[in-house]
Structures are given as structure tokens and as C-alpha cells.
């Protein structure tokens, strides 16, 4: 079974696995790096890591158009239900659930989570997915470096997706330390170069990963994909 991850720009991701289409943090409208329009997104499930507008993005409209189920922490799932989204599933940090596309656990993240209208967005999270074929993917989304990334790495990661943009999340130095804790087979950087504040040299960072770890860095342009 092939699992394919597509980077749409910023922290927006598309994931296809076992015939299911999953979209993560679909900030597309207003995203200068977005490689797809909200109207073109196909989704069976939508994962929301936290409540900030650059992650909630177009998810309400996408969910209503496609009938996708929104999965997030319980506070955000309830907020989506209040927006008229019919299918939601709330979890919490450290809790996992066997969805049709695989076993999804919400992981710790160091960040904020207030929703666009100021509502309580609960705790931010990352996602640890064990696909139905056993492949493990960690999508850190917005977070700073934390030591328990080593515990996540002990799962045996085929792929890690981590931010490198700095200011709001890990920067290149801490992201390199994260790779050393996680020890994934492959790492893909996200959440950089969307705006001037997040400008980074992703190729220089990848060269450091290659030199200092056994992990393979894969640099994607928005719209490009990587298959496990």
C-alpha cells in the first residue's frame, strides 16, 4: 500500500493512504504559497492541529462541501459542530483512535490554540499516524522543540514532518535537534517561507540533516508529493 503526502504550502498537507484522502490544516485562502484552491480539495477526513487561523483556514467550507469528518481536540471538534459541520471526532493529547485510514494519536505540541473568533481551542497537538500497512508518520505541525520527541521517535518513524520557520515554531537549529530525537527515516520541513518573517534556507538545513544524522531530508515545493 502506497501512502503519499503532498505539501500545499505553509502547514497545509494532503495525505492519501489506503484509498482515503486526508487534509491537514488547510490554510489556503490568504496563503501566498498555496498550491491548490479550497474548491479543488478532495477530502474524506480533515485534521486540525490547533485553532489559529492559518491552520483552521478553509476547513469549515471544505468539510461542508465534501462531507469530510473533522478530527481534532475535543474543544475544536465541538467548535466545528457549532459551525454546522455534520461529522466531527474529538480526541485529546495522548489519546488514539482507530479511524478507517489508520490509528491516529494526538501528540503534545508547544504552541497556542485560540480559535479565529476567540473561542477556547483547547491544547495544540501534532499527529502520529500508524497507517493500515504499519507505516508511521509524525506530523508535528506548529510546535517548539520538546524532549518527549524522543518517545515519539521510539515508535519507529518512516516519515516526520516538522516546522523550521522559527519565530512561531522551531527554527532550523531546534528542528535539527528534533530530527536527532525523532530519528525518522525521512524528514520533510514545513511552515517556512510563507511570509518574510518565516524566511529560511531549507536547502542549507537539509545539508545539515544529511551531515549530522542518518535521516534523509526531502525538500518539497508547494504542490509536490512524497510517497512512502
Foldseek 3Di string as FASTA:
>chain_A
DKWKWAFQAAQWIWIAAPNFIEIFQPAAVVFPQGPDDLVPDAHQEYEAQAADCSRCHCVLVSCVVRVHEYEYAPQVQVVSVVVVRDHYDHDDAQDWDQDVFFIKHWHAFAAAHQHPVRDHTDGGTWIWGQGPVRAIETEGRAHEADQCLLVQLVSAHQEYEEEAQPPRGHHLVRVLVSCVSNVHQEYEYHNAPSDPSRHDDVVVSQVCSVVPHNHHYDYDRNGDMDMD
